[in-house]
Amino acid sequence: FADVVDRVNPAVVAVGTGRRERATAPSPRGIPPEFRDFFRFSPEPRYREGSGSGFIVSRDGYILTNNHVVADADQVTVRLLDNRVFTARVVGRDPNTDVAVIKIDAANLPTIVFGNSDQVRIGDWVLAVGNPLGFTFTVTAGIISAKGRRLDGLVDENARYAIQDFIQTDAAINPGNSGGPLVNLNGEVIGINSAIASPTGTYAGYGFAIPINLARHAMDDLIATGRVTRAILGIQIREISPEDAEYVGLRDIRGVVVNEFPSGSPARAAGLQPGDVIVSLNDTLVDHVAQLQQMVGFKRPGESVRVTVVRKEGDRAGVRRSFDVRLIAAADDDTSLARGNDARDSAKAGEMEGRLGVRVEPIPADVAHRARLSDDQRGVVVTDVEEGGPAWGRLVTPDRGGPDVVLAVNSTRVRTPEEFQRAVRVVPRGAVVQLRVLNLNGESYQTRIVRVRSR
């Protein structure tokens, strides 16, 4: 390990940040109300400091770090291994990948060597280098514990095109390590240390890094233009479930499910449909969401890709279709992507439907009006989900992140509880039923495909 550290350490930096915040004005206690206008209680600004890590990627002073390290900073400083300190400027930030580039005015700086994160294997030895808890230029060792991890809460929650495909490591990572390199035994950076999973806020065995191939793509755009231009298919997607695979006729539970399309989607125009399972892009197999996001994200707007899907057409499952889709640029989002006729089946409006374990009601007219729902957005609202039932954890009620509105059962459009129940009753017991669902929580309503096994 010592030889690796000798090669890497000179290119690692300590990043310090400062941010001015307005303090709350003190309450004018003890002063009669009629006299308060004679006194001014101006809040004093507070200066909040932060720290992180980074690494030098060019001899003239470009440095790669995390977006969350430098976001909203009024001042950024960089300290090198030889104790020189520089004021840095933020070249650009990408909340979608949590990557940022900063620049110092210097020359002939040591630089890090880039590796290939696609070639990383679980079990490989790695070193994490950075400045945890104020201990500058600290090195820890571990292995690659997992790949393709999703970590909600790290990337900006307002970033619409966030890509989450983290490398997990058991090398000790603590606050202050963010932005530092994760390197292999050749001294090549294969990730940017970004987060930990811990009940205490300090190392508990689970650290996460952004794959360097993804970070490098964002870095090149940030250096060239100050922002990332991201290509998109124009689809809303989610991970595949066993029910999805069975419904469309896939043997392996691999692929990505198409939920819905935003306005102007090139994928929809090319022929993709909600519920399709994307199994390959340009003949490369697709296993999970982050993989597809990266594959598309490495392309440029205007390029065409071949998307292969598996779908169910009528009663025929396992139908494979391919479509050529011309990618478009993502909108700028502050870059600065269910039994026979027994009692359980004869539920009426407002009663628990037995096969899926859900209770649905009509959408009240005044609610539909206030929510400005179009005719295509009107269905039956989910008011209760049986705990442990088939739809538990798949559909949500108003008090659990909803309300969800069911728009269709398989290919049958439903607008009333009676239509919903008739559509569910024809599904064979033990079969997977597809629901098209609209979630009304939040300012922008989201449509998704939910597949549930009936009982």
Protein backbone atom coordinates (compact mmCIF):
# COMPACT_ATOMS: atom_id res chain seq x y z
CA PHE A 1 0.00 0.00 0.00
CA ALA A 2 2.85 2.40 0.79
CA ASP A 3 4.00 2.69 -2.82
CA VAL A 4 0.43 3.48 -3.91
CA VAL A 5 0.11 6.19 -1.26
CA ASP A 6 3.43 7.75 -2.35
CA ARG A 7 2.05 8.11 -5.88
CA VAL A 8 -1.43 9.34 -4.95
CA ASN A 9 -1.00 11.59 -1.92
CA PRO A 10 0.66 14.56 -3.67
CA ALA A 11 -2.40 14.98 -5.90
CA VAL A 12 -4.91 14.97 -3.01
CA VAL A 13 -6.03 18.28 -1.52
CA ALA A 14 -7.90 19.52 1.52
CA VAL A 15 -10.85 21.73 0.60
CA GLY A 16 -12.08 24.39 3.03
CA THR A 17 -15.31 26.34 2.50
CA GLY A 18 -16.92 29.35 4.10
CA ARG A 19 -20.48 30.60 3.87
CA ARG A 20 -22.04 33.72 5.31
CA GLU A 21 -25.45 33.27 6.85
CA ARG A 22 -27.82 35.89 8.14
CA ALA A 23 -28.54 35.40 11.83
CA THR A 24 -32.02 35.87 13.24
CA ALA A 25 -32.52 39.32 14.71
CA PRO A 26 -32.75 39.33 18.52
CA SER A 27 -36.21 39.83 19.98
CA PRO A 28 -36.62 43.34 21.51
CA ARG A 29 -37.62 42.06 24.93
CA GLY A 30 -38.39 44.55 27.67
CA ILE A 31 -39.02 47.43 25.28
CA PRO A 32 -42.62 48.72 25.08
CA PRO A 33 -44.13 48.17 21.63
CA GLU A 34 -44.61 51.91 21.02
CA PHE A 35 -40.86 52.48 21.39
CA ARG A 36 -39.55 49.54 19.33
CA ASP A 37 -39.40 51.52 16.10
CA PHE A 38 -36.73 53.75 17.66
CA PHE A 39 -34.32 50.83 17.95
CA ARG A 40 -32.72 48.85 15.16
CA PHE A 41 -31.94 45.22 15.79
CA SER A 42 -29.74 44.26 12.83
CA PRO A 43 -28.74 40.61 12.82
CA GLU A 44 -25.04 39.97 12.59
CA PRO A 45 -24.02 37.65 9.75
CA ARG A 46 -22.58 34.31 10.81
CA TYR A 47 -19.74 32.59 9.01
CA ARG A 48 -20.15 28.84 8.67
CA GLU A 49 -17.09 26.78 7.76
CA GLY A 50 -16.93 23.38 6.14
CA SER A 51 -14.30 20.97 4.92
CA GLY A 52 -13.85 18.22 2.41
CA SER A 53 -11.37 16.70 0.01
CA GLY A 54 -10.51 16.72 -3.66
CA PHE A 55 -7.83 15.67 -6.10
CA ILE A 56 -5.90 17.43 -8.85
CA VAL A 57 -6.77 16.36 -12.39
CA SER A 58 -4.61 18.79 -14.41
CA ARG A 59 -1.19 20.34 -13.94
CA ASP A 60 -2.69 23.85 -14.23
CA GLY A 61 -4.95 23.46 -11.21
CA TYR A 62 -8.30 21.85 -12.04
CA ILE A 63 -9.56 19.85 -9.06
CA LEU A 64 -12.39 17.31 -8.82
CA THR A 65 -14.55 17.20 -5.69
CA ASN A 66 -18.18 16.77 -4.60
CA ASN A 67 -20.98 19.19 -5.36
CA HIS A 68 -22.18 19.01 -1.77
CA VAL A 69 -18.73 20.12 -0.54
CA VAL A 70 -18.74 23.47 -2.37
CA ALA A 71 -22.44 24.15 -2.97
CA ASP A 72 -23.49 27.61 -1.70
CA ALA A 73 -19.94 28.40 -0.55
CA ASP A 74 -18.89 32.07 -0.60
CA GLN A 75 -15.23 31.16 -0.32
CA VAL A 76 -13.26 28.03 -1.21
CA THR A 77 -9.65 27.36 -0.22
CA VAL A 78 -7.37 24.50 -1.18
CA ARG A 79 -4.45 23.16 0.81
CA LEU A 80 -1.85 20.98 -0.89
CA LEU A 81 0.29 18.26 0.64
CA ASP A 82 3.25 20.70 0.75
CA ASN A 83 1.09 23.05 2.90
CA ARG A 84 0.61 25.69 0.20
CA VAL A 85 -2.83 27.28 0.39
CA PHE A 86 -4.75 28.72 -2.57
CA THR A 87 -8.07 30.47 -3.03
CA ALA A 88 -10.16 28.45 -5.48
CA ARG A 89 -13.05 29.34 -7.75
CA VAL A 90 -15.94 27.02 -8.55
CA VAL A 91 -15.83 26.18 -12.25
CA GLY A 92 -19.10 24.26 -12.28
CA ARG A 93 -21.33 21.93 -10.30
CA ASP A 94 -23.60 19.03 -11.25
CA PRO A 95 -26.19 18.14 -8.59
CA ASN A 96 -27.31 15.14 -10.66
CA THR A 97 -24.02 13.31 -10.03
CA ASP A 98 -22.79 15.24 -6.96
CA VAL A 99 -19.68 16.24 -8.91
CA ALA A 100 -18.00 19.66 -8.90
CA VAL A 101 -14.86 21.13 -10.45
CA ILE A 102 -12.85 23.89 -8.77
CA LYS A 103 -9.73 25.69 -10.02
CA ILE A 104 -6.63 27.18 -8.40
CA ASP A 105 -4.05 29.38 -10.10
CA ALA A 106 -0.94 27.21 -10.08
CA ALA A 107 1.33 25.36 -12.47
CA ASN A 108 3.25 22.09 -12.66
CA LEU A 109 1.04 20.43 -10.09
CA PRO A 110 1.06 16.66 -9.46
CA THR A 111 -2.00 14.95 -10.92
CA ILE A 112 -3.87 11.76 -10.28
CA VAL A 113 -4.13 8.90 -12.79
CA PHE A 114 -7.63 7.91 -13.93
CA GLY A 115 -8.70 4.27 -13.78
CA ASN A 116 -11.70 2.51 -15.31
CA SER A 117 -14.54 2.05 -12.83
CA ASP A 118 -16.34 -0.32 -15.23
CA GLN A 119 -13.55 -2.85 -14.64
CA VAL A 120 -13.84 -2.76 -10.84
CA ARG A 121 -14.76 -6.10 -9.29
CA ILE A 122 -16.36 -6.83 -5.94
CA GLY A 123 -13.55 -7.93 -3.63
CA ASP A 124 -10.85 -5.69 -5.16
CA TRP A 125 -8.58 -3.90 -2.71
CA VAL A 126 -8.97 -0.10 -2.59
CA LEU A 127 -7.60 2.86 -0.63
CA ALA A 128 -9.58 5.93 0.42
CA VAL A 129 -7.57 9.14 0.74
CA GLY A 130 -8.80 12.41 2.21
CA ASN A 131 -9.21 14.64 5.23
CA PRO A 132 -11.68 12.98 7.63
CA LEU A 133 -12.63 14.72 10.85
CA GLY A 134 -9.89 17.30 10.35
CA PHE A 135 -7.10 14.72 10.06
CA THR A 136 -5.53 15.79 6.79
CA PHE A 137 -4.20 13.39 4.16
CA THR A 138 -5.44 10.23 5.87
CA VAL A 139 -5.35 6.87 4.09
CA THR A 140 -7.62 3.90 4.87
CA ALA A 141 -7.82 0.49 3.19
CA GLY A 142 -10.66 -1.87 2.36
CA ILE A 143 -12.32 -3.74 -0.47
CA ILE A 144 -15.08 -3.10 -2.97
CA SER A 145 -18.13 -4.40 -1.11
CA ALA A 146 -20.78 -3.88 -3.80
CA LYS A 147 -21.53 -1.99 -7.00
CA GLY A 148 -24.59 -0.21 -8.38
CA ARG A 149 -25.83 0.99 -4.99
CA ARG A 150 -28.61 3.55 -4.77
CA LEU A 151 -28.32 6.07 -1.94
CA ASP A 152 -31.33 8.35 -1.55
CA GLY A 153 -30.61 11.72 -0.01
CA LEU A 154 -27.08 12.23 -1.30
CA VAL A 155 -27.77 13.89 -4.62
CA ASP A 156 -29.79 17.10 -4.73
CA GLU A 157 -33.45 16.20 -4.14
CA ASN A 158 -34.43 18.80 -6.76
CA ALA A 159 -32.21 17.23 -9.42
CA ARG A 160 -34.60 15.64 -11.91
CA TYR A 161 -31.99 13.57 -13.74
CA ALA A 162 -30.01 12.26 -10.78
CA ILE A 163 -27.82 9.24 -11.52
CA GLN A 164 -27.18 6.93 -8.58
CA ASP A 165 -24.75 4.11 -9.19
CA PHE A 166 -22.44 4.13 -6.17
CA ILE A 167 -19.50 1.86 -5.44
CA GLN A 168 -19.70 0.53 -1.88
CA THR A 169 -16.52 0.01 0.14
CA ASP A 170 -15.60 -0.91 3.69
CA ALA A 171 -12.56 1.38 3.63
CA ALA A 172 -13.14 3.83 6.48
CA ILE A 173 -14.81 7.02 5.23
CA ASN A 174 -15.83 9.82 7.58
CA PRO A 175 -17.04 13.43 7.30
CA GLY A 176 -14.28 15.33 5.52
CA ASN A 177 -13.49 12.45 3.14
CA SER A 178 -16.10 13.74 0.68
CA GLY A 179 -14.51 14.56 -2.66
CA GLY A 180 -11.37 12.52 -2.08
CA PRO A 181 -10.21 9.69 -4.33
CA LEU A 182 -10.91 5.99 -3.99
CA VAL A 183 -7.95 4.31 -5.70
CA ASN A 184 -6.99 0.79 -6.76
CA LEU A 185 -3.66 -0.89 -6.12
CA ASN A 186 -2.27 0.60 -9.31
CA GLY A 187 -2.73 4.06 -7.81
CA GLU A 188 -5.56 4.86 -10.25
CA VAL A 189 -8.67 6.69 -9.07
CA ILE A 190 -11.78 4.59 -9.61
CA GLY A 191 -14.24 6.66 -7.55
CA ILE A 192 -14.93 9.86 -5.61
CA ASN A 193 -15.64 9.23 -1.92
CA SER A 194 -19.02 10.80 -1.28
CA ALA A 195 -21.08 9.38 1.57
CA ILE A 196 -21.40 6.97 4.46
CA ALA A 197 -24.30 4.96 5.82
CA SER A 198 -24.18 5.21 9.59
CA PRO A 199 -26.55 5.60 12.54
CA THR A 200 -24.04 7.91 14.25
CA GLY A 201 -22.79 10.06 11.37
CA THR A 202 -19.32 8.51 11.47
CA TYR A 203 -17.83 5.37 9.95
CA ALA A 204 -19.84 2.19 10.51
CA GLY A 205 -18.44 0.01 7.74
CA TYR A 206 -20.37 1.38 4.77
CA GLY A 207 -18.82 3.99 2.48
CA PHE A 208 -19.93 5.02 -1.00
CA ALA A 209 -18.09 6.48 -3.98
CA ILE A 210 -19.16 7.88 -7.35
CA PRO A 211 -17.73 5.77 -10.20
CA ILE A 212 -14.93 7.75 -11.86
CA ASN A 213 -16.20 7.05 -15.39
CA LEU A 214 -19.43 8.86 -14.53
CA ALA A 215 -17.63 11.65 -12.67
CA ARG A 216 -15.13 12.14 -15.49
CA HIS A 217 -17.90 12.59 -18.04
CA ALA A 218 -19.45 15.33 -15.89
CA MET A 219 -16.00 16.84 -15.24
CA ASP A 220 -15.19 17.21 -18.94
CA ASP A 221 -18.42 19.14 -19.54
CA LEU A 222 -17.93 21.33 -16.47
CA ILE A 223 -14.40 22.30 -17.51
CA ALA A 224 -15.45 22.98 -21.10
CA THR A 225 -18.71 24.89 -20.50
CA GLY A 226 -19.34 25.19 -16.76
CA ARG A 227 -22.39 22.93 -16.97
CA VAL A 228 -23.29 19.36 -17.90
CA THR A 229 -25.26 18.75 -21.07
CA ARG A 230 -27.08 15.48 -20.46
CA ALA A 231 -28.79 13.35 -23.09
CA ILE A 232 -32.08 11.66 -22.20
CA LEU A 233 -34.54 9.21 -23.72
CA GLY A 234 -37.52 11.05 -22.25
CA ILE A 235 -38.82 8.29 -19.98
CA GLN A 236 -39.61 7.78 -16.31
CA ILE A 237 -38.27 4.43 -15.16
CA ARG A 238 -37.94 2.12 -12.17
CA GLU A 239 -36.31 -1.16 -11.21
CA ILE A 240 -37.86 -4.43 -12.39
CA SER A 241 -39.69 -6.73 -9.95
CA PRO A 242 -40.43 -10.47 -10.18
CA GLU A 243 -44.02 -9.59 -11.04
CA ASP A 244 -42.85 -7.36 -13.91
CA ALA A 245 -40.71 -10.15 -15.34
CA GLU A 246 -43.53 -12.68 -15.14
CA TYR A 247 -46.09 -10.31 -16.64
CA VAL A 248 -44.08 -9.53 -19.78
CA GLY A 249 -42.67 -13.05 -20.08
CA LEU A 250 -39.02 -12.67 -19.01
CA ARG A 251 -37.17 -15.63 -17.52
CA ASP A 252 -34.54 -13.47 -15.82
CA ILE A 253 -35.47 -10.62 -13.49
CA ARG A 254 -33.32 -8.08 -15.29
CA GLY A 255 -34.17 -4.85 -17.04
CA VAL A 256 -35.78 -1.48 -16.42
CA VAL A 257 -39.53 -0.76 -16.37
CA VAL A 258 -40.93 2.23 -18.27
CA ASN A 259 -43.39 4.07 -16.04
CA GLU A 260 -44.40 7.09 -18.08
CA PHE A 261 -43.24 9.70 -20.57
CA PRO A 262 -42.87 13.46 -20.14
CA SER A 263 -44.19 15.79 -22.79
CA GLY A 264 -42.24 15.66 -26.04
CA SER A 265 -40.64 12.30 -25.27
CA PRO A 266 -38.62 10.92 -28.21
CA ALA A 267 -38.92 7.41 -26.74
CA ARG A 268 -42.70 7.60 -26.85
CA ALA A 269 -42.62 8.96 -30.38
CA ALA A 270 -40.40 6.03 -31.40
CA GLY A 271 -42.92 3.50 -30.10
CA LEU A 272 -42.12 2.66 -26.47
CA GLN A 273 -45.11 2.15 -24.17
CA PRO A 274 -45.74 2.37 -20.41
CA GLY A 275 -45.00 -1.02 -18.87
CA ASP A 276 -42.32 -1.98 -21.39
CA VAL A 277 -39.22 -3.58 -19.89
CA ILE A 278 -36.02 -2.25 -21.45
CA VAL A 279 -33.59 -5.16 -21.76
CA SER A 280 -30.82 -3.69 -23.91
CA LEU A 281 -29.40 -0.47 -25.31
CA ASN A 282 -27.34 -0.71 -28.50
CA ASP A 283 -27.22 -4.50 -27.97
CA THR A 284 -25.70 -4.09 -24.48
CA LEU A 285 -27.79 -5.85 -21.83
CA VAL A 286 -29.48 -3.59 -19.27
CA ASP A 287 -29.78 -4.95 -15.72
CA HIS A 288 -30.79 -1.98 -13.58
CA VAL A 289 -31.77 1.70 -13.61
CA ALA A 290 -28.40 3.28 -12.84
CA GLN A 291 -26.73 1.27 -15.58
CA LEU A 292 -29.22 2.55 -18.18
CA GLN A 293 -28.86 6.10 -16.87
CA GLN A 294 -25.10 5.95 -17.28
CA MET A 295 -25.26 4.37 -20.72
CA VAL A 296 -27.56 7.13 -21.95
CA GLY A 297 -25.77 9.83 -19.96
CA PHE A 298 -22.50 9.10 -21.74
CA LYS A 299 -24.16 9.91 -25.08
CA ARG A 300 -24.73 13.34 -26.58
CA PRO A 301 -28.03 14.99 -27.53
CA GLY A 302 -28.78 14.24 -31.16
CA GLU A 303 -27.25 10.76 -31.11
CA SER A 304 -29.51 7.79 -31.84
CA VAL A 305 -29.66 4.62 -29.78
CA ARG A 306 -31.42 1.30 -30.33
CA VAL A 307 -33.67 0.40 -27.41
CA THR A 308 -34.92 -3.18 -27.12
CA VAL A 309 -37.93 -3.91 -24.93
CA VAL A 310 -39.98 -6.92 -23.92
CA ARG A 311 -43.72 -6.39 -23.55
CA LYS A 312 -47.08 -8.13 -23.42
CA GLU A 313 -49.30 -7.62 -26.44
CA GLY A 314 -52.83 -8.83 -25.78
CA ASP A 315 -52.53 -12.35 -24.41
CA ARG A 316 -49.08 -12.81 -25.90
CA ALA A 317 -46.18 -12.29 -23.49
CA GLY A 318 -42.50 -12.21 -24.30
CA VAL A 319 -42.87 -9.98 -27.35
CA ARG A 320 -39.53 -8.35 -28.14
CA ARG A 321 -39.43 -5.02 -29.99
CA SER A 322 -36.57 -2.68 -30.92
CA PHE A 323 -36.83 1.06 -31.52
CA ASP A 324 -34.37 3.68 -32.71
CA VAL A 325 -34.59 6.72 -30.44
CA ARG A 326 -32.93 10.06 -31.09
CA LEU A 327 -31.73 11.46 -27.77
CA ILE A 328 -32.60 14.99 -26.68
CA ALA A 329 -30.96 17.34 -24.19
CA ALA A 330 -32.28 17.29 -20.65
CA ALA A 331 -33.95 20.47 -19.52
CA ASP A 332 -31.68 22.67 -17.42
CA ASP A 333 -32.46 21.98 -13.76
CA ASP A 334 -29.82 24.20 -12.16
CA THR A 335 -26.78 22.20 -13.16
CA SER A 336 -24.68 25.41 -12.52
CA LEU A 337 -32.24 13.21 -15.30
CA ALA A 338 -55.91 -10.03 -7.95
CA ARG A 339 -60.94 -15.63 -6.83
CA GLY A 340 -64.35 -16.55 -8.02
CA ASN A 341 -67.45 -15.15 -6.45
CA ASP A 342 -66.72 -15.53 -2.76
CA ALA A 343 -67.10 -12.66 -0.31
CA ARG A 344 -63.59 -11.41 -0.89
CA ASP A 345 -64.33 -10.82 -4.59
CA SER A 346 -67.71 -9.12 -4.24
CA ALA A 347 -66.49 -5.88 -2.68
CA LYS A 348 -68.57 -2.82 -3.38
CA ALA A 349 -67.39 0.78 -3.56
CA GLY A 350 -65.69 1.65 -0.29
CA GLU A 351 -65.09 -1.99 0.70
CA MET A 352 -61.76 -3.77 0.68
CA GLU A 353 -61.18 -5.52 -2.66
CA GLY A 354 -60.00 -9.02 -1.85
CA ARG A 355 -57.67 -10.06 -4.63
CA LEU A 356 -55.32 -7.08 -4.34
CA GLY A 357 -56.15 -6.01 -0.80
CA VAL A 358 -57.04 -2.39 -1.57
CA ARG A 359 -60.01 -0.11 -0.94
CA VAL A 360 -60.85 2.43 -3.64
CA GLU A 361 -63.29 5.30 -3.84
CA PRO A 362 -64.40 7.68 -6.58
CA ILE A 363 -62.48 10.94 -6.75
CA PRO A 364 -64.77 13.65 -5.34
CA ALA A 365 -65.64 16.20 -8.01
CA ASP A 366 -64.39 19.13 -5.92
CA VAL A 367 -61.06 17.37 -5.34
CA ALA A 368 -60.65 16.67 -9.05
CA HIS A 369 -61.44 20.30 -9.79
CA ARG A 370 -58.97 21.66 -7.23
CA ALA A 371 -56.30 19.28 -8.46
CA ARG A 372 -57.02 20.34 -12.06
CA LEU A 373 -57.23 16.73 -13.20
CA SER A 374 -57.83 16.12 -16.88
CA ASP A 375 -60.13 13.31 -18.00
CA ASP A 376 -57.06 11.12 -18.60
CA GLN A 377 -56.03 11.65 -14.96
CA ARG A 378 -59.33 10.59 -13.39
CA GLY A 379 -59.71 7.12 -11.94
CA VAL A 380 -60.28 5.62 -8.50
CA VAL A 381 -58.40 6.84 -5.45
CA VAL A 382 -56.74 4.32 -3.11
CA THR A 383 -58.02 4.98 0.42
CA ASP A 384 -56.71 1.88 2.19
CA VAL A 385 -54.20 -0.91 1.60
CA GLU A 386 -54.31 -4.17 3.53
CA GLU A 387 -51.17 -4.56 5.62
CA GLY A 388 -49.16 -7.48 4.27
CA GLY A 389 -51.55 -7.81 1.33
CA PRO A 390 -50.52 -8.07 -2.32
CA ALA A 391 -50.52 -4.30 -2.85
CA TRP A 392 -48.88 -3.42 0.48
CA GLY A 393 -45.83 -1.30 -0.22
CA ARG A 394 -46.83 -0.89 -3.88
CA LEU A 395 -49.83 1.44 -3.57
CA VAL A 396 -50.03 4.32 -1.10
CA THR A 397 -52.85 6.09 0.69
CA PRO A 398 -53.08 9.85 1.34
CA ASP A 399 -51.35 9.49 4.72
CA ARG A 400 -48.44 7.43 3.33
CA GLY A 401 -47.22 9.54 0.43
CA GLY A 402 -50.35 9.43 -1.71
CA PRO A 403 -53.00 9.55 -2.72
CA ASP A 404 -52.54 7.06 -5.52
CA VAL A 405 -55.15 7.05 -8.28
CA VAL A 406 -55.58 3.85 -10.30
CA LEU A 407 -56.20 4.73 -13.95
CA ALA A 408 -56.12 1.29 -15.58
CA VAL A 409 -56.07 -2.42 -14.73
CA ASN A 410 -54.06 -4.27 -17.35
CA SER A 411 -55.33 -2.64 -20.56
CA THR A 412 -58.76 -1.74 -19.12
CA ARG A 413 -59.39 1.91 -18.27
CA VAL A 414 -61.16 2.34 -14.90
CA ARG A 415 -62.97 5.45 -13.64
CA THR A 416 -65.28 4.00 -10.95
CA PRO A 417 -64.86 1.45 -8.15
CA GLU A 418 -67.22 -0.90 -9.99
CA GLU A 419 -65.09 -0.77 -13.14
CA PHE A 420 -61.99 -1.37 -11.03
CA GLN A 421 -63.49 -4.43 -9.36
CA ARG A 422 -64.78 -5.93 -12.62
CA ALA A 423 -61.33 -5.53 -14.19
CA VAL A 424 -59.63 -7.20 -11.22
CA ARG A 425 -62.10 -10.10 -11.02
CA VAL A 426 -61.22 -11.38 -14.50
CA VAL A 427 -57.56 -11.78 -13.53
CA PRO A 428 -56.74 -15.44 -12.72
CA ARG A 429 -55.72 -16.18 -9.16
CA GLY A 430 -51.98 -16.01 -8.71
CA ALA A 431 -51.51 -14.03 -11.92
CA VAL A 432 -49.72 -10.70 -12.09
CA VAL A 433 -51.95 -7.69 -12.74
CA GLN A 434 -50.65 -4.41 -14.15
CA LEU A 435 -51.93 -1.15 -12.68
CA ARG A 436 -51.37 2.27 -14.18
CA VAL A 437 -51.20 4.64 -11.23
CA LEU A 438 -51.11 8.42 -10.83
CA ASN A 439 -49.68 9.83 -7.61
CA LEU A 440 -51.18 13.17 -6.55
CA ASN A 441 -48.65 14.01 -3.87
CA GLY A 442 -46.58 17.09 -4.66
CA GLU A 443 -46.78 19.84 -7.22
CA SER A 444 -46.10 17.63 -10.25
CA TYR A 445 -48.15 14.46 -10.52
CA GLN A 446 -46.22 11.29 -11.37
CA THR A 447 -47.57 8.29 -13.30
CA ARG A 448 -46.02 4.86 -12.80
CA ILE A 449 -46.61 1.20 -13.60
CA VAL A 450 -47.30 -1.10 -10.63
CA ARG A 451 -47.47 -4.86 -11.01
CA VAL A 452 -49.06 -6.94 -8.24
CA ARG A 453 -49.71 -10.66 -7.91
CA SER A 454 -53.40 -11.36 -7.24
CA ARG A 455 -54.50 -13.95 -4.73
